PDB file of all heavy atoms in Angstrom:
ATOM      1  N   GLN A   1       0.827  -1.213   0.000  1.00  0.00           N
ATOM      2  CA  GLN A   1       0.000   0.000   0.000  1.00  0.00           C
ATOM      3  C   GLN A   1       0.857   1.257   0.000  1.00  0.00           C
ATOM      4  O   GLN A   1       0.494   2.268  -0.617  1.00  0.00           O
ATOM      5  CB  GLN A   1      -0.946   0.006   1.212  1.00  0.00           C
ATOM      6  CG  GLN A   1      -2.131  -0.941   1.092  1.00  0.00           C
ATOM      7  CD  GLN A   1      -1.806  -2.336   1.562  1.00  0.00           C
ATOM      8  OE1 GLN A   1      -0.652  -2.774   1.486  1.00  0.00           O
ATOM      9  NE2 GLN A   1      -2.812  -3.061   2.054  1.00  0.00           N
ATOM     10  N   ILE A   2       1.989   1.222   0.703  1.00  0.00           N
ATOM     11  CA  ILE A   2       2.909   2.376   0.709  1.00  0.00           C
ATOM     12  C   ILE A   2       3.428   2.618  -0.713  1.00  0.00           C
ATOM     13  O   ILE A   2       3.444   3.752  -1.199  1.00  0.00           O
ATOM     14  CB  ILE A   2       4.081   2.134   1.683  1.00  0.00           C
ATOM     15  CG1 ILE A   2       3.569   2.053   3.124  1.00  0.00           C
ATOM     16  CG2 ILE A   2       5.132   3.248   1.552  1.00  0.00           C
ATOM     17  CD1 ILE A   2       4.623   1.659   4.142  1.00  0.00           C
ATOM     18  N   ASN A   3       3.854   1.542  -1.378  1.00  0.00           N
ATOM     19  CA  ASN A   3       4.336   1.655  -2.760  1.00  0.00           C
ATOM     20  C   ASN A   3       3.248   2.167  -3.699  1.00  0.00           C
ATOM     21  O   ASN A   3       3.479   3.046  -4.527  1.00  0.00           O
ATOM     22  CB  ASN A   3       4.836   0.292  -3.255  1.00  0.00           C
ATOM     23  CG  ASN A   3       6.335   0.132  -3.103  1.00  0.00           C
ATOM     24  OD1 ASN A   3       7.077   1.105  -3.077  1.00  0.00           O
ATOM     25  ND2 ASN A   3       6.795  -1.097  -2.982  1.00  0.00           N
ATOM     26  N   ASP A   4       2.051   1.593  -3.575  1.00  0.00           N
ATOM     27  CA  ASP A   4       0.965   1.947  -4.493  1.00  0.00           C
ATOM     28  C   ASP A   4       0.485   3.376  -4.286  1.00  0.00           C
ATOM     29  O   ASP A   4       0.169   4.086  -5.251  1.00  0.00           O
ATOM     30  CB  ASP A   4      -0.225   0.979  -4.301  1.00  0.00           C
ATOM     31  CG  ASP A   4       0.107  -0.432  -4.779  1.00  0.00           C
ATOM     32  OD1 ASP A   4       1.119  -0.580  -5.497  1.00  0.00           O
ATOM     33  OD2 ASP A   4      -0.629  -1.374  -4.421  1.00  0.00           O
ATOM     34  N   HIS A   5       0.426   3.798  -3.014  1.00  0.00           N
ATOM     35  CA  HIS A   5      -0.145   5.127  -2.718  1.00  0.00           C
ATOM     36  C   HIS A   5       0.878   6.258  -2.813  1.00  0.00           C
ATOM     37  O   HIS A   5       0.567   7.355  -3.274  1.00  0.00           O
ATOM     38  CB  HIS A   5      -0.767   5.103  -1.311  1.00  0.00           C
ATOM     39  CG  HIS A   5      -1.609   6.304  -1.002  1.00  0.00           C
ATOM     40  ND1 HIS A   5      -1.102   7.457  -0.444  1.00  0.00           N
ATOM     41  CD2 HIS A   5      -2.936   6.540  -1.211  1.00  0.00           C
ATOM     42  CE1 HIS A   5      -2.062   8.345  -0.301  1.00  0.00           C
ATOM     43  NE2 HIS A   5      -3.191   7.814  -0.742  1.00  0.00           N
ATOM     44  N   TYR A   6       2.124   5.986  -2.374  1.00  0.00           N
ATOM     45  CA  TYR A   6       3.127   7.051  -2.321  1.00  0.00           C
ATOM     46  C   TYR A   6       4.217   6.918  -3.384  1.00  0.00           C
ATOM     47  O   TYR A   6       5.053   7.813  -3.527  1.00  0.00           O
ATOM     48  CB  TYR A   6       3.774   7.096  -0.930  1.00  0.00           C
ATOM     49  CG  TYR A   6       2.797   7.429   0.169  1.00  0.00           C
ATOM     50  CD1 TYR A   6       2.205   6.420   0.925  1.00  0.00           C
ATOM     51  CD2 TYR A   6       2.458   8.754   0.450  1.00  0.00           C
ATOM     52  CE1 TYR A   6       1.300   6.720   1.933  1.00  0.00           C
ATOM     53  CE2 TYR A   6       1.553   9.064   1.460  1.00  0.00           C
ATOM     54  CZ  TYR A   6       0.980   8.044   2.196  1.00  0.00           C
ATOM     55  OH  TYR A   6       0.077   8.349   3.200  1.00  0.00           O
ATOM     56  N   GLY A   7       4.241   5.801  -4.088  1.00  0.00           N
ATOM     57  CA  GLY A   7       5.238   5.603  -5.142  1.00  0.00           C
ATOM     58  C   GLY A   7       6.438   4.801  -4.658  1.00  0.00           C
ATOM     59  O   GLY A   7       6.676   4.658  -3.451  1.00  0.00           O
ATOM     60  N   HIS A   8       7.193   4.296  -5.627  1.00  0.00           N
ATOM     61  CA  HIS A   8       8.318   3.403  -5.292  1.00  0.00           C
ATOM     62  C   HIS A   8       9.494   4.148  -4.645  1.00  0.00           C
ATOM     63  O   HIS A   8      10.260   3.547  -3.899  1.00  0.00           O
ATOM     64  CB  HIS A   8       8.794   2.674  -6.554  1.00  0.00           C
ATOM     65  CG  HIS A   8       7.823   1.635  -7.014  1.00  0.00           C
ATOM     66  ND1 HIS A   8       7.725   0.399  -6.415  1.00  0.00           N
ATOM     67  CD2 HIS A   8       6.875   1.660  -7.982  1.00  0.00           C
ATOM     68  CE1 HIS A   8       6.769  -0.305  -7.009  1.00  0.00           C
ATOM     69  NE2 HIS A   8       6.238   0.427  -7.957  1.00  0.00           N
ATOM     70  N   ILE A   9       9.632   5.441  -4.932  1.00  0.00           N
ATOM     71  CA  ILE A   9      10.716   6.211  -4.292  1.00  0.00           C
ATOM     72  C   ILE A   9      10.472   6.286  -2.790  1.00  0.00           C
ATOM     73  O   ILE A   9      11.378   6.089  -1.979  1.00  0.00           O
ATOM     74  CB  ILE A   9      10.828   7.619  -4.906  1.00  0.00           C
ATOM     75  CG1 ILE A   9      11.311   7.516  -6.365  1.00  0.00           C
ATOM     76  CG2 ILE A   9      11.771   8.500  -4.103  1.00  0.00           C
ATOM     77  CD1 ILE A   9      11.373   8.827  -7.101  1.00  0.00           C
ATOM     78  N   GLU A  10       9.219   6.553  -2.416  1.00  0.00           N
ATOM     79  CA  GLU A  10       8.882   6.594  -0.990  1.00  0.00           C
ATOM     80  C   GLU A  10       8.956   5.191  -0.389  1.00  0.00           C
ATOM     81  O   GLU A  10       9.305   5.019   0.783  1.00  0.00           O
ATOM     82  CB  GLU A  10       7.490   7.196  -0.784  1.00  0.00           C
ATOM     83  CG  GLU A  10       7.139   7.452   0.672  1.00  0.00           C
ATOM     84  CD  GLU A  10       8.128   8.366   1.381  1.00  0.00           C
ATOM     85  OE1 GLU A  10       8.554   9.373   0.780  1.00  0.00           O
ATOM     86  OE2 GLU A  10       8.502   8.059   2.529  1.00  0.00           O
ATOM     87  N   GLY A  11       8.630   4.180  -1.221  1.00  0.00           N
ATOM     88  CA  GLY A  11       8.767   2.803  -0.762  1.00  0.00           C
ATOM     89  C   GLY A  11      10.211   2.476  -0.421  1.00  0.00           C
ATOM     90  O   GLY A  11      10.491   1.827   0.607  1.00  0.00           O
ATOM     91  N   ASP A  12      11.137   2.933  -1.264  1.00  0.00           N
ATOM     92  CA  ASP A  12      12.568   2.751  -0.981  1.00  0.00           C
ATOM     93  C   ASP A  12      12.960   3.479   0.302  1.00  0.00           C
ATOM     94  O   ASP A  12      13.761   2.975   1.101  1.00  0.00           O
ATOM     95  CB  ASP A  12      13.416   3.283  -2.148  1.00  0.00           C
ATOM     96  CG  ASP A  12      13.358   2.368  -3.366  1.00  0.00           C
ATOM     97  OD1 ASP A  12      12.859   1.239  -3.228  1.00  0.00           O
ATOM     98  OD2 ASP A  12      13.823   2.794  -4.440  1.00  0.00           O
ATOM     99  N   HIS A  13      12.382   4.674   0.488  1.00  0.00           N
ATOM    100  CA  HIS A  13      12.674   5.440   1.700  1.00  0.00           C
ATOM    101  C   HIS A  13      12.188   4.694   2.945  1.00  0.00           C
ATOM    102  O   HIS A  13      12.859   4.683   3.984  1.00  0.00           O
ATOM    103  CB  HIS A  13      12.005   6.822   1.609  1.00  0.00           C
ATOM    104  CG  HIS A  13      12.335   7.713   2.760  1.00  0.00           C
ATOM    105  ND1 HIS A  13      11.393   8.443   3.447  1.00  0.00           N
ATOM    106  CD2 HIS A  13      13.519   7.976   3.382  1.00  0.00           C
ATOM    107  CE1 HIS A  13      11.965   9.118   4.425  1.00  0.00           C
ATOM    108  NE2 HIS A  13      13.253   8.857   4.405  1.00  0.00           N
ATOM    109  N   ALA A  14      11.020   4.056   2.828  1.00  0.00           N
ATOM    110  CA  ALA A  14      10.488   3.271   3.950  1.00  0.00           C
ATOM    111  C   ALA A  14      11.421   2.114   4.292  1.00  0.00           C
ATOM    112  O   ALA A  14      11.650   1.811   5.473  1.00  0.00           O
ATOM    113  CB  ALA A  14       9.097   2.744   3.601  1.00  0.00           C
ATOM    114  N   LEU A  15      11.974   1.468   3.267  1.00  0.00           N
ATOM    115  CA  LEU A  15      12.932   0.382   3.495  1.00  0.00           C
ATOM    116  C   LEU A  15      14.188   0.893   4.201  1.00  0.00           C
ATOM    117  O   LEU A  15      14.709   0.248   5.108  1.00  0.00           O
ATOM    118  CB  LEU A  15      13.313  -0.269   2.164  1.00  0.00           C
ATOM    119  CG  LEU A  15      12.247  -1.143   1.497  1.00  0.00           C
ATOM    120  CD1 LEU A  15      12.657  -1.472   0.067  1.00  0.00           C
ATOM    121  CD2 LEU A  15      12.026  -2.422   2.287  1.00  0.00           C
ATOM    122  N   GLN A  16      14.670   2.070   3.775  1.00  0.00           N
ATOM    123  CA  GLN A  16      15.869   2.649   4.382  1.00  0.00           C
ATOM    124  C   GLN A  16      15.614   3.045   5.840  1.00  0.00           C
ATOM    125  O   GLN A  16      16.476   2.840   6.701  1.00  0.00           O
ATOM    126  CB  GLN A  16      16.334   3.857   3.568  1.00  0.00           C
ATOM    127  CG  GLN A  16      16.896   3.480   2.210  1.00  0.00           C
ATOM    128  CD  GLN A  16      17.131   4.689   1.314  1.00  0.00           C
ATOM    129  OE1 GLN A  16      16.407   5.688   1.396  1.00  0.00           O
ATOM    130  NE2 GLN A  16      18.127   4.601   0.445  1.00  0.00           N
ATOM    131  N   CYS A  17      14.436   3.597   6.116  1.00  0.00           N
ATOM    132  CA  CYS A  17      14.086   3.978   7.491  1.00  0.00           C
ATOM    133  C   CYS A  17      13.998   2.741   8.384  1.00  0.00           C
ATOM    134  O   CYS A  17      14.470   2.745   9.526  1.00  0.00           O
ATOM    135  CB  CYS A  17      12.745   4.717   7.512  1.00  0.00           C
ATOM    136  SG  CYS A  17      12.790   6.336   6.727  1.00  0.00           S
ATOM    137  N   THR A  18      13.391   1.687   7.844  1.00  0.00           N
ATOM    138  CA  THR A  18      13.275   0.432   8.594  1.00  0.00           C
ATOM    139  C   THR A  18      14.656  -0.148   8.884  1.00  0.00           C
ATOM    140  O   THR A  18      14.942  -0.578  10.003  1.00  0.00           O
ATOM    141  CB  THR A  18      12.435  -0.589   7.800  1.00  0.00           C
ATOM    142  OG1 THR A  18      11.155  -0.020   7.520  1.00  0.00           O
ATOM    143  CG2 THR A  18      12.263  -1.881   8.586  1.00  0.00           C
ATOM    144  N   ALA A  19      15.513  -0.150   7.853  1.00  0.00           N
ATOM    145  CA  ALA A  19      16.875  -0.670   8.014  1.00  0.00           C
ATOM    146  C   ALA A  19      17.631   0.112   9.078  1.00  0.00           C
ATOM    147  O   ALA A  19      18.331  -0.463   9.917  1.00  0.00           O
ATOM    148  CB  ALA A  19      17.617  -0.605   6.681  1.00  0.00           C
ATOM    149  N   HIS A  20      17.484   1.450   9.059  1.00  0.00           N
ATOM    150  CA  HIS A  20      18.177   2.310  10.031  1.00  0.00           C
ATOM    151  C   HIS A  20      17.715   2.007  11.457  1.00  0.00           C
ATOM    152  O   HIS A  20      18.527   1.893  12.380  1.00  0.00           O
ATOM    153  CB  HIS A  20      17.917   3.774   9.691  1.00  0.00           C
ATOM    154  CG  HIS A  20      18.530   4.738  10.660  1.00  0.00           C
ATOM    155  ND1 HIS A  20      19.890   4.967  10.727  1.00  0.00           N
ATOM    156  CD2 HIS A  20      17.971   5.515  11.627  1.00  0.00           C
ATOM    157  CE1 HIS A  20      20.139   5.838  11.685  1.00  0.00           C
ATOM    158  NE2 HIS A  20      19.003   6.187  12.244  1.00  0.00           N
ATOM    159  N   ALA A  21      16.398   1.847  11.624  1.00  0.00           N
ATOM    160  CA  ALA A  21      15.850   1.568  12.957  1.00  0.00           C
ATOM    161  C   ALA A  21      16.300   0.195  13.463  1.00  0.00           C
ATOM    162  O   ALA A  21      16.683   0.048  14.635  1.00  0.00           O
ATOM    163  CB  ALA A  21      14.328   1.639  12.908  1.00  0.00           C
ATOM    164  N   LEU A  22      16.256  -0.801  12.593  1.00  0.00           N
ATOM    165  CA  LEU A  22      16.687  -2.147  12.985  1.00  0.00           C
ATOM    166  C   LEU A  22      18.173  -2.175  13.315  1.00  0.00           C
ATOM    167  O   LEU A  22      18.608  -2.864  14.247  1.00  0.00           O
ATOM    168  CB  LEU A  22      16.377  -3.143  11.862  1.00  0.00           C
ATOM    169  CG  LEU A  22      14.899  -3.423  11.573  1.00  0.00           C
ATOM    170  CD1 LEU A  22      14.763  -4.300  10.340  1.00  0.00           C
ATOM    171  CD2 LEU A  22      14.217  -4.080  12.768  1.00  0.00           C
ATOM    172  N   LYS A  23      18.953  -1.407  12.532  1.00  0.00           N
ATOM    173  CA  LYS A  23      20.401  -1.367  12.749  1.00  0.00           C
ATOM    174  C   LYS A  23      20.733  -0.793  14.133  1.00  0.00           C
ATOM    175  O   LYS A  23      21.665  -1.259  14.795  1.00  0.00           O
ATOM    176  CB  LYS A  23      21.064  -0.517  11.657  1.00  0.00           C
ATOM    177  CG  LYS A  23      22.575  -0.669  11.580  1.00  0.00           C
ATOM    178  CD  LYS A  23      23.179   0.299  10.573  1.00  0.00           C
ATOM    179  CE  LYS A  23      22.761  -0.001   9.171  1.00  0.00           C
ATOM    180  NZ  LYS A  23      23.427   0.866   8.171  1.00  0.00           N
ATOM    181  N   ASN A  24      19.969   0.203  14.561  1.00  0.00           N
ATOM    182  CA  ASN A  24      20.206   0.801  15.883  1.00  0.00           C
ATOM    183  C   ASN A  24      20.047  -0.225  17.000  1.00  0.00           C
ATOM    184  O   ASN A  24      20.850  -0.269  17.941  1.00  0.00           O
ATOM    185  CB  ASN A  24      19.231   1.960  16.116  1.00  0.00           C
ATOM    186  CG  ASN A  24      19.614   3.198  15.337  1.00  0.00           C
ATOM    187  OD1 ASN A  24      20.768   3.334  14.916  1.00  0.00           O
ATOM    188  ND2 ASN A  24      18.670   4.085  15.107  1.00  0.00           N
ATOM    189  N   ILE A  25      19.017  -1.061  16.901  1.00  0.00           N
ATOM    190  CA  ILE A  25      18.792  -2.094  17.923  1.00  0.00           C
ATOM    191  C   ILE A  25      19.802  -3.225  17.780  1.00  0.00           C
ATOM    192  O   ILE A  25      20.386  -3.687  18.762  1.00  0.00           O
ATOM    193  CB  ILE A  25      17.358  -2.644  17.834  1.00  0.00           C
ATOM    194  CG1 ILE A  25      16.333  -1.529  18.056  1.00  0.00           C
ATOM    195  CG2 ILE A  25      17.145  -3.766  18.849  1.00  0.00           C
ATOM    196  CD1 ILE A  25      16.405  -0.865  19.402  1.00  0.00           C
ATOM    197  N   ALA A  26      20.015  -3.666  16.534  1.00  0.00           N
ATOM    198  CA  ALA A  26      20.931  -4.794  16.295  1.00  0.00           C
ATOM    199  C   ALA A  26      22.339  -4.487  16.788  1.00  0.00           C
ATOM    200  O   ALA A  26      23.022  -5.361  17.332  1.00  0.00           O
ATOM    201  CB  ALA A  26      20.959  -5.130  14.805  1.00  0.00           C
ATOM    202  N   SER A  27      22.782  -3.233  16.621  1.00  0.00           N
ATOM    203  CA  SER A  27      24.140  -2.866  17.040  1.00  0.00           C
ATOM    204  C   SER A  27      24.294  -2.899  18.558  1.00  0.00           C
ATOM    205  O   SER A  27      25.379  -3.149  19.079  1.00  0.00           O
ATOM    206  CB  SER A  27      24.503  -1.478  16.505  1.00  0.00           C
ATOM    207  OG  SER A  27      23.632  -0.495  17.030  1.00  0.00           O
ATOM    208  N   GLN A  28      23.200  -2.661  19.281  1.00  0.00           N
ATOM    209  CA  GLN A  28      23.250  -2.700  20.743  1.00  0.00           C
ATOM    210  C   GLN A  28      23.492  -4.113  21.269  1.00  0.00           C
ATOM    211  O   GLN A  28      24.069  -4.307  22.331  1.00  0.00           O
ATOM    212  CB  GLN A  28      21.937  -2.159  21.324  1.00  0.00           C
ATOM    213  CG  GLN A  28      21.702  -0.687  21.064  1.00  0.00           C
ATOM    214  CD  GLN A  28      20.323  -0.236  21.536  1.00  0.00           C
ATOM    215  OE1 GLN A  28      19.750  -0.845  22.448  1.00  0.00           O
ATOM    216  NE2 GLN A  28      19.788   0.810  20.925  1.00  0.00           N
ATOM    217  N   TYR A  29      23.045  -5.106  20.486  1.00  0.00           N
ATOM    218  CA  TYR A  29      23.149  -6.497  20.925  1.00  0.00           C
ATOM    219  C   TYR A  29      24.202  -7.288  20.146  1.00  0.00           C
ATOM    220  O   TYR A  29      24.359  -8.485  20.368  1.00  0.00           O
ATOM    221  CB  TYR A  29      21.790  -7.188  20.778  1.00  0.00           C
ATOM    222  CG  TYR A  29      20.742  -6.692  21.746  1.00  0.00           C
ATOM    223  CD1 TYR A  29      19.966  -5.576  21.435  1.00  0.00           C
ATOM    224  CD2 TYR A  29      20.552  -7.300  22.974  1.00  0.00           C
ATOM    225  CE1 TYR A  29      19.002  -5.105  22.316  1.00  0.00           C
ATOM    226  CE2 TYR A  29      19.590  -6.846  23.865  1.00  0.00           C
ATOM    227  CZ  TYR A  29      18.824  -5.738  23.530  1.00  0.00           C
ATOM    228  OH  TYR A  29      17.880  -5.275  24.407  1.00  0.00           O
TER     229      TYR A  29
END
């Protein structure tokens, strides 16, 4: 739905934001 409604560029941004958030937690452990 993010891709369809906001476009694939924003979809890529969502992936990057998710990766950044996961990386913050993963690095702690």
